[in-house]
Amino acid sequence: MLQVKGLRVNYGAVEAVKGIDIQIKKNNIVSILGANGAGKTSTLHAISGLVKKTSGKIIFDGQDITDSSVEEIVRLGIIQCPEGRRVFPKFTVEENLRIGAYSRKGQNIKKELQTVYELFPRLFERKKQIAGTLSGGEQQMLAIGRGLMATPKLFILDEPSLGLAPKIVEEIFETIKTIRDEGVTILLVEQNAMCAMNISDYVYALEVGKVAVQGTASELLQNEQVKNAYLGG
């Protein structure tokens, strides 16, 4: 579904992404691991069109999207759920969800709303509540639900477990598996390496802008380099 070839991203003189290659098969969950500054979010932003690529190619469903605008990329079905949730705090839960369907103006979105509410019953219970008054876990559910309203083909999730209690993290990762089972391909950036690897089909580990190691989740769980770097030995 997605091919990233020789991707480089610079911020002035600083090279954040140094020629990485990534492939994502349809209906897979693929995770990108790495410490802060490894180039994870820069890679996601390059795929989504949010930062300019210095060089390299990005192919989605056979189409070259390297120089496509954010709007064009969204219309093709690549949707990003950002780090830090970024809900609209003064709007209600349902207003936030409807904003997620902005690119689908004129279309009936009742089916998508129902799907999100079935996935996250708490959002249905709080649909008229102001989003800024939700707990952190509920805001993460809302951020994911808002992304799903755009009917993604490839759903990019940036640090969905950040700042959440362990029980909520478990719920979020179970939901990510359910979304994949419904036919949505997932690209996940996550510092909670064990949680990410437990649900992933394939994993890339980045170090200072390069792919240090890659493989299936089961292979990397047995890899001493990965165990020492990401799983506490």
C-alpha atoms as a PDB file:
ATOM      1  CA  MET A   1       0.000   0.000   0.000  1.00  0.00           C
ATOM      2  CA  LEU A   2       2.791   2.447   0.897  1.00  0.00           C
ATOM      3  CA  GLN A   3       6.404   2.617  -0.254  1.00  0.00           C
ATOM      4  CA  VAL A   4       8.853   5.154   1.140  1.00  0.00           C
ATOM      5  CA  LYS A   5      12.108   5.183  -0.842  1.00  0.00           C
ATOM      6  CA  GLY A   6      15.278   7.020   0.187  1.00  0.00           C
ATOM      7  CA  LEU A   7      13.390   9.601   2.257  1.00  0.00           C
ATOM      8  CA  ARG A   8      15.408  12.532   3.554  1.00  0.00           C
ATOM      9  CA  VAL A   9      14.093  15.441   5.598  1.00  0.00           C
ATOM     10  CA  ASN A  10      16.145  18.478   6.608  1.00  0.00           C
ATOM     11  CA  TYR A  11      15.381  21.301   9.015  1.00  0.00           C
ATOM     12  CA  GLY A  12      17.904  23.877   7.867  1.00  0.00           C
ATOM     13  CA  ALA A  13      21.326  22.299   8.290  1.00  0.00           C
ATOM     14  CA  VAL A  14      19.986  19.495  10.468  1.00  0.00           C
ATOM     15  CA  GLU A  15      19.200  16.226   8.674  1.00  0.00           C
ATOM     16  CA  ALA A  16      16.393  14.574  10.671  1.00  0.00           C
ATOM     17  CA  VAL A  17      15.675  11.690   8.280  1.00  0.00           C
ATOM     18  CA  LYS A  18      18.632  10.191   6.436  1.00  0.00           C
ATOM     19  CA  GLY A  19      17.492   8.134   3.477  1.00  0.00           C
ATOM     20  CA  ILE A  20      15.090   5.598   4.977  1.00  0.00           C
ATOM     21  CA  ASP A  21      13.063   2.960   3.128  1.00  0.00           C
ATOM     22  CA  ILE A  22       9.735   1.699   4.495  1.00  0.00           C
ATOM     23  CA  GLN A  23       7.085  -0.592   3.036  1.00  0.00           C
ATOM     24  CA  ILE A  24       3.586  -1.147   4.412  1.00  0.00           C
ATOM     25  CA  LYS A  25       1.334  -3.935   3.183  1.00  0.00           C
ATOM     26  CA  LYS A  26      -2.423  -3.523   3.079  1.00  0.00           C
ATOM     27  CA  ASN A  27      -4.280  -4.477   6.290  1.00  0.00           C
ATOM     28  CA  ASN A  28      -1.054  -4.635   8.305  1.00  0.00           C
ATOM     29  CA  ILE A  29      -0.075  -2.804  11.451  1.00  0.00           C
ATOM     30  CA  VAL A  30       3.439  -1.426  11.018  1.00  0.00           C
ATOM     31  CA  SER A  31       5.241   0.256  13.917  1.00  0.00           C
ATOM     32  CA  ILE A  32       8.136   2.692  13.950  1.00  0.00           C
ATOM     33  CA  LEU A  33      10.134   2.651  17.186  1.00  0.00           C
ATOM     34  CA  GLY A  34      12.891   4.954  18.331  1.00  0.00           C
ATOM     35  CA  ALA A  35      14.045   7.375  20.981  1.00  0.00           C
ATOM     36  CA  ASN A  36      13.257  11.087  20.908  1.00  0.00           C
ATOM     37  CA  GLY A  37      15.065  12.657  17.970  1.00  0.00           C
ATOM     38  CA  ALA A  38      15.276   9.409  16.000  1.00  0.00           C
ATOM     39  CA  GLY A  39      13.214  10.857  13.127  1.00  0.00           C
ATOM     40  CA  LYS A  40       9.910   9.100  13.781  1.00  0.00           C
ATOM     41  CA  THR A  41       7.541  12.070  13.677  1.00  0.00           C
ATOM     42  CA  SER A  42       9.458  13.697  10.824  1.00  0.00           C
ATOM     43  CA  THR A  43       8.892  10.511   8.817  1.00  0.00           C
ATOM     44  CA  LEU A  44       5.155  10.595   9.547  1.00  0.00           C
ATOM     45  CA  HIS A  45       4.919  14.282   8.680  1.00  0.00           C
ATOM     46  CA  ALA A  46       6.727  13.690   5.398  1.00  0.00           C
ATOM     47  CA  ILE A  47       4.261  10.937   4.458  1.00  0.00           C
ATOM     48  CA  SER A  48       1.327  13.204   5.369  1.00  0.00           C
ATOM     49  CA  GLY A  49       2.764  16.158   3.445  1.00  0.00           C
ATOM     50  CA  LEU A  50       3.236  18.277   6.577  1.00  0.00           C
ATOM     51  CA  VAL A  51       6.975  18.777   6.013  1.00  0.00           C
ATOM     52  CA  LYS A  52       8.925  19.187   2.807  1.00  0.00           C
ATOM     53  CA  LYS A  53      10.999  16.233   1.631  1.00  0.00           C
ATOM     54  CA  THR A  54      14.642  16.965   0.800  1.00  0.00           C
ATOM     55  CA  SER A  55      14.752  13.892  -1.439  1.00  0.00           C
ATOM     56  CA  GLY A  56      13.190  10.474  -1.904  1.00  0.00           C
ATOM     57  CA  LYS A  57       9.855   9.135  -3.119  1.00  0.00           C
ATOM     58  CA  ILE A  58       6.566   8.205  -1.488  1.00  0.00           C
ATOM     59  CA  ILE A  59       4.208   5.898  -3.386  1.00  0.00           C
ATOM     60  CA  PHE A  60       0.671   5.250  -2.108  1.00  0.00           C
ATOM     61  CA  ASP A  61      -1.577   2.704  -3.808  1.00  0.00           C
ATOM     62  CA  GLY A  62       0.654   2.918  -6.887  1.00  0.00           C
ATOM     63  CA  GLN A  63       0.487   6.727  -7.058  1.00  0.00           C
ATOM     64  CA  ASP A  64       3.470   9.025  -6.524  1.00  0.00           C
ATOM     65  CA  ILE A  65       2.450  11.436  -3.734  1.00  0.00           C
ATOM     66  CA  THR A  66       5.923  12.824  -3.028  1.00  0.00           C
ATOM     67  CA  ASP A  67       4.963  16.374  -3.975  1.00  0.00           C
ATOM     68  CA  SER A  68       1.223  16.174  -3.245  1.00  0.00           C
ATOM     69  CA  SER A  69      -0.420  18.710  -0.941  1.00  0.00           C
ATOM     70  CA  VAL A  70      -1.814  17.787   2.461  1.00  0.00           C
ATOM     71  CA  GLU A  71      -5.342  18.178   1.066  1.00  0.00           C
ATOM     72  CA  GLU A  72      -4.636  15.806  -1.829  1.00  0.00           C
ATOM     73  CA  ILE A  73      -3.071  13.244   0.513  1.00  0.00           C
ATOM     74  CA  VAL A  74      -6.091  13.365   2.837  1.00  0.00           C
ATOM     75  CA  ARG A  75      -8.487  12.870  -0.082  1.00  0.00           C
ATOM     76  CA  LEU A  76      -6.501   9.787  -1.131  1.00  0.00           C
ATOM     77  CA  GLY A  77      -7.113   8.282   2.318  1.00  0.00           C
ATOM     78  CA  ILE A  78      -3.979   8.963   4.401  1.00  0.00           C
ATOM     79  CA  ILE A  79      -5.147  10.342   7.741  1.00  0.00           C
ATOM     80  CA  GLN A  80      -2.897  11.241  10.678  1.00  0.00           C
ATOM     81  CA  CYS A  81      -3.907  11.244  14.341  1.00  0.00           C
ATOM     82  CA  PRO A  82      -1.349  13.619  15.887  1.00  0.00           C
ATOM     83  CA  GLU A  83       0.729  13.288  19.015  1.00  0.00           C
ATOM     84  CA  GLY A  84      -0.879  15.049  21.969  1.00  0.00           C
ATOM     85  CA  ARG A  85      -4.462  14.433  20.742  1.00  0.00           C
ATOM     86  CA  ARG A  86      -5.130  18.091  19.780  1.00  0.00           C
ATOM     87  CA  VAL A  87      -8.894  17.996  20.138  1.00  0.00           C
ATOM     88  CA  PHE A  88     -10.796  21.256  19.729  1.00  0.00           C
ATOM     89  CA  PRO A  89     -11.330  21.944  23.449  1.00  0.00           C
ATOM     90  CA  LYS A  90     -14.251  24.394  23.188  1.00  0.00           C
ATOM     91  CA  PHE A  91     -16.299  22.193  20.853  1.00  0.00           C
ATOM     92  CA  THR A  92     -18.450  19.248  21.886  1.00  0.00           C
ATOM     93  CA  VAL A  93     -17.432  15.653  21.304  1.00  0.00           C
ATOM     94  CA  GLU A  94     -19.767  15.323  18.330  1.00  0.00           C
ATOM     95  CA  GLU A  95     -18.642  18.631  16.836  1.00  0.00           C
ATOM     96  CA  ASN A  96     -15.040  17.361  16.994  1.00  0.00           C
ATOM     97  CA  LEU A  97     -16.077  14.163  15.216  1.00  0.00           C
ATOM     98  CA  ARG A  98     -17.909  16.082  12.506  1.00  0.00           C
ATOM     99  CA  ILE A  99     -14.796  18.202  11.918  1.00  0.00           C
ATOM    100  CA  GLY A 100     -12.990  14.949  11.135  1.00  0.00           C
ATOM    101  CA  ALA A 101     -15.349  14.487   8.179  1.00  0.00           C
ATOM    102  CA  TYR A 102     -14.606  17.983   6.836  1.00  0.00           C
ATOM    103  CA  SER A 103     -13.058  16.662   3.602  1.00  0.00           C
ATOM    104  CA  ARG A 104     -16.264  14.726   2.912  1.00  0.00           C
ATOM    105  CA  LYS A 105     -18.549  17.763   2.722  1.00  0.00           C
ATOM    106  CA  GLY A 106     -21.961  16.962   1.297  1.00  0.00           C
ATOM    107  CA  GLN A 107     -21.783  13.266   2.182  1.00  0.00           C
ATOM    108  CA  ASN A 108     -23.940  11.520   4.749  1.00  0.00           C
ATOM    109  CA  ILE A 109     -21.739  10.757   7.767  1.00  0.00           C
ATOM    110  CA  LYS A 110     -24.302   9.025  10.006  1.00  0.00           C
ATOM    111  CA  LYS A 111     -22.748   5.626   9.328  1.00  0.00           C
ATOM    112  CA  GLU A 112     -19.284   6.822  10.358  1.00  0.00           C
ATOM    113  CA  LEU A 113     -20.637   8.469  13.497  1.00  0.00           C
ATOM    114  CA  GLN A 114     -22.378   5.231  14.447  1.00  0.00           C
ATOM    115  CA  THR A 115     -19.161   3.259  13.828  1.00  0.00           C
ATOM    116  CA  VAL A 116     -17.142   5.587  16.085  1.00  0.00           C
ATOM    117  CA  TYR A 117     -19.774   5.465  18.825  1.00  0.00           C
ATOM    118  CA  GLU A 118     -19.830   1.658  18.676  1.00  0.00           C
ATOM    119  CA  LEU A 119     -16.041   1.594  18.899  1.00  0.00           C
ATOM    120  CA  PHE A 120     -15.997   4.114  21.767  1.00  0.00           C
ATOM    121  CA  PRO A 121     -19.277   3.927  23.741  1.00  0.00           C
ATOM    122  CA  ARG A 122     -17.950   6.558  26.162  1.00  0.00           C
ATOM    123  CA  LEU A 123     -17.906   9.097  23.346  1.00  0.00           C
ATOM    124  CA  PHE A 124     -21.583   8.403  22.683  1.00  0.00           C
ATOM    125  CA  GLU A 125     -22.334   8.953  26.368  1.00  0.00           C
ATOM    126  CA  ARG A 126     -20.448  12.268  26.229  1.00  0.00           C
ATOM    127  CA  LYS A 127     -21.342  13.426  22.712  1.00  0.00           C
ATOM    128  CA  LYS A 128     -22.700  16.762  23.952  1.00  0.00           C
ATOM    129  CA  GLN A 129     -19.870  17.296  26.446  1.00  0.00           C
ATOM    130  CA  ILE A 130     -17.213  19.953  25.804  1.00  0.00           C
ATOM    131  CA  ALA A 131     -14.080  18.134  24.612  1.00  0.00           C
ATOM    132  CA  GLY A 132     -11.738  20.102  26.853  1.00  0.00           C
ATOM    133  CA  THR A 133     -13.439  18.630  29.929  1.00  0.00           C
ATOM    134  CA  LEU A 134     -12.759  15.003  28.926  1.00  0.00           C
ATOM    135  CA  SER A 135     -10.069  12.898  30.591  1.00  0.00           C
ATOM    136  CA  GLY A 136      -6.818  12.267  28.724  1.00  0.00           C
ATOM    137  CA  GLY A 137      -7.938   8.775  27.718  1.00  0.00           C
ATOM    138  CA  GLU A 138     -11.283  10.048  26.469  1.00  0.00           C
ATOM    139  CA  GLN A 139      -9.552  12.767  24.462  1.00  0.00           C
ATOM    140  CA  GLN A 140      -7.339  10.112  22.857  1.00  0.00           C
ATOM    141  CA  MET A 141     -10.457   8.129  21.948  1.00  0.00           C
ATOM    142  CA  LEU A 142     -11.922  11.306  20.471  1.00  0.00           C
ATOM    143  CA  ALA A 143      -8.761  12.020  18.459  1.00  0.00           C
ATOM    144  CA  ILE A 144      -8.821   8.499  17.016  1.00  0.00           C
ATOM    145  CA  GLY A 145     -12.557   8.724  16.348  1.00  0.00           C
ATOM    146  CA  ARG A 146     -12.118  12.084  14.618  1.00  0.00           C
ATOM    147  CA  GLY A 147      -9.515  10.526  12.306  1.00  0.00           C
ATOM    148  CA  LEU A 148     -11.799   7.597  11.505  1.00  0.00           C
ATOM    149  CA  MET A 149     -14.521  10.029  10.417  1.00  0.00           C
ATOM    150  CA  ALA A 150     -12.376  10.756   7.361  1.00  0.00           C
ATOM    151  CA  THR A 151     -12.615   7.042   6.354  1.00  0.00           C
ATOM    152  CA  PRO A 152      -8.855   6.419   6.157  1.00  0.00           C
ATOM    153  CA  LYS A 153      -7.216   3.755   4.023  1.00  0.00           C
ATOM    154  CA  LEU A 154      -3.933   4.314   5.871  1.00  0.00           C
ATOM    155  CA  PHE A 155      -4.344   5.565   9.447  1.00  0.00           C
ATOM    156  CA  ILE A 156      -1.226   7.095  10.990  1.00  0.00           C
ATOM    157  CA  LEU A 157      -1.132   7.190  14.798  1.00  0.00           C
ATOM    158  CA  ASP A 158       1.584   9.234  16.527  1.00  0.00           C
ATOM    159  CA  GLU A 159       2.197   8.201  20.169  1.00  0.00           C
ATOM    160  CA  PRO A 160      -1.392   7.175  21.040  1.00  0.00           C
ATOM    161  CA  SER A 161      -0.391   5.944  24.522  1.00  0.00           C
ATOM    162  CA  LEU A 162       1.407   9.138  25.551  1.00  0.00           C
ATOM    163  CA  GLY A 163       0.506  10.211  29.097  1.00  0.00           C
ATOM    164  CA  LEU A 164      -2.226   7.607  29.609  1.00  0.00           C
ATOM    165  CA  ALA A 165      -2.788   5.172  32.470  1.00  0.00           C
ATOM    166  CA  PRO A 166      -1.856   1.519  31.748  1.00  0.00           C
ATOM    167  CA  LYS A 167      -5.478   0.325  31.682  1.00  0.00           C
ATOM    168  CA  ILE A 168      -6.431   3.004  29.121  1.00  0.00           C
ATOM    169  CA  VAL A 169      -3.327   2.166  27.057  1.00  0.00           C
ATOM    170  CA  GLU A 170      -4.497  -1.443  26.911  1.00  0.00           C
ATOM    171  CA  GLU A 171      -7.940  -0.318  25.719  1.00  0.00           C
ATOM    172  CA  ILE A 172      -6.449   1.941  23.045  1.00  0.00           C
ATOM    173  CA  PHE A 173      -4.231  -0.815  21.638  1.00  0.00           C
ATOM    174  CA  GLU A 174      -7.119  -3.285  21.557  1.00  0.00           C
ATOM    175  CA  THR A 175      -9.076  -0.664  19.622  1.00  0.00           C
ATOM    176  CA  ILE A 176      -6.214  -0.230  17.147  1.00  0.00           C
ATOM    177  CA  LYS A 177      -6.355  -3.973  16.438  1.00  0.00           C
ATOM    178  CA  THR A 178     -10.119  -3.735  15.917  1.00  0.00           C
ATOM    179  CA  ILE A 179      -9.661  -0.868  13.446  1.00  0.00           C
ATOM    180  CA  ARG A 180      -7.168  -2.987  11.487  1.00  0.00           C
ATOM    181  CA  ASP A 181      -9.585  -5.921  11.542  1.00  0.00           C
ATOM    182  CA  GLU A 182     -12.186  -3.632   9.959  1.00  0.00           C
ATOM    183  CA  GLY A 183      -9.872  -3.184   6.947  1.00  0.00           C
ATOM    184  CA  VAL A 184      -7.831  -0.081   7.807  1.00  0.00           C
ATOM    185  CA  THR A 185      -4.046  -0.251   7.426  1.00  0.00           C
ATOM    186  CA  ILE A 186      -2.177   1.222  10.421  1.00  0.00           C
ATOM    187  CA  LEU A 187       1.171   3.020  10.696  1.00  0.00           C
ATOM    188  CA  LEU A 188       2.030   3.468  14.359  1.00  0.00           C
ATOM    189  CA  VAL A 189       4.737   5.506  16.064  1.00  0.00           C
ATOM    190  CA  GLU A 190       5.016   4.543  19.703  1.00  0.00           C
ATOM    191  CA  GLN A 191       7.555   4.749  22.532  1.00  0.00           C
ATOM    192  CA  ASN A 192       5.833   1.931  24.412  1.00  0.00           C
ATOM    193  CA  ALA A 193       7.733  -0.653  22.387  1.00  0.00           C
ATOM    194  CA  MET A 194       6.231  -3.760  23.947  1.00  0.00           C
ATOM    195  CA  CYS A 195       2.636  -2.629  23.385  1.00  0.00           C
ATOM    196  CA  ALA A 196       3.435  -1.678  19.804  1.00  0.00           C
ATOM    197  CA  MET A 197       5.228  -4.929  19.003  1.00  0.00           C
ATOM    198  CA  ASN A 198       2.473  -7.039  20.539  1.00  0.00           C
ATOM    199  CA  ILE A 199      -0.002  -5.823  17.892  1.00  0.00           C
ATOM    200  CA  SER A 200       2.321  -5.202  14.922  1.00  0.00           C
ATOM    201  CA  ASP A 201       2.933  -7.281  11.827  1.00  0.00           C
ATOM    202  CA  TYR A 202       6.196  -5.516  11.007  1.00  0.00           C
ATOM    203  CA  VAL A 203       8.496  -3.142  12.905  1.00  0.00           C
ATOM    204  CA  TYR A 204      11.117  -0.552  11.968  1.00  0.00           C
ATOM    205  CA  ALA A 205      13.469   0.780  14.652  1.00  0.00           C
ATOM    206  CA  LEU A 206      15.063   4.148  13.874  1.00  0.00           C
ATOM    207  CA  GLU A 207      18.263   5.596  15.259  1.00  0.00           C
ATOM    208  CA  VAL A 208      19.352   9.158  14.406  1.00  0.00           C
ATOM    209  CA  GLY A 209      17.310   9.274  11.215  1.00  0.00           C
ATOM    210  CA  LYS A 210      18.178   5.826   9.876  1.00  0.00           C
ATOM    211  CA  VAL A 211      16.586   2.378  10.024  1.00  0.00           C
ATOM    212  CA  ALA A 212      18.766   0.522  12.532  1.00  0.00           C
ATOM    213  CA  VAL A 213      16.863  -2.769  12.448  1.00  0.00           C
ATOM    214  CA  GLN A 214      13.647  -4.085  10.923  1.00  0.00           C
ATOM    215  CA  GLY A 215      11.667  -7.291  10.810  1.00  0.00           C
ATOM    216  CA  THR A 216       8.471  -8.979  11.854  1.00  0.00           C
ATOM    217  CA  ALA A 217       7.412  -8.327  15.430  1.00  0.00           C
ATOM    218  CA  SER A 218       8.159 -11.937  16.388  1.00  0.00           C
ATOM    219  CA  GLU A 219      11.683 -11.668  14.927  1.00  0.00           C
ATOM    220  CA  LEU A 220      12.446  -8.422  16.718  1.00  0.00           C
ATOM    221  CA  LEU A 221      11.148  -9.704  20.045  1.00  0.00           C
ATOM    222  CA  GLN A 222      14.022 -12.211  19.874  1.00  0.00           C
ATOM    223  CA  ASN A 223      16.588  -9.650  18.667  1.00  0.00           C
ATOM    224  CA  GLU A 224      19.167  -8.829  21.376  1.00  0.00           C
ATOM    225  CA  GLN A 225      19.780  -5.331  19.971  1.00  0.00           C
ATOM    226  CA  VAL A 226      16.066  -4.545  20.134  1.00  0.00           C
ATOM    227  CA  LYS A 227      15.598  -6.134  23.552  1.00  0.00           C
ATOM    228  CA  ASN A 228      18.456  -4.108  25.019  1.00  0.00           C
ATOM    229  CA  ALA A 229      17.482  -0.820  23.359  1.00  0.00           C
ATOM    230  CA  TYR A 230      13.689  -0.888  23.679  1.00  0.00           C
ATOM    231  CA  LEU A 231      12.577  -3.662  26.021  1.00  0.00           C
ATOM    232  CA  GLY A 232      14.899  -3.207  28.971  1.00  0.00           C
ATOM    233  CA  GLY A 233      17.079  -6.208  28.175  1.00  0.00           C
END
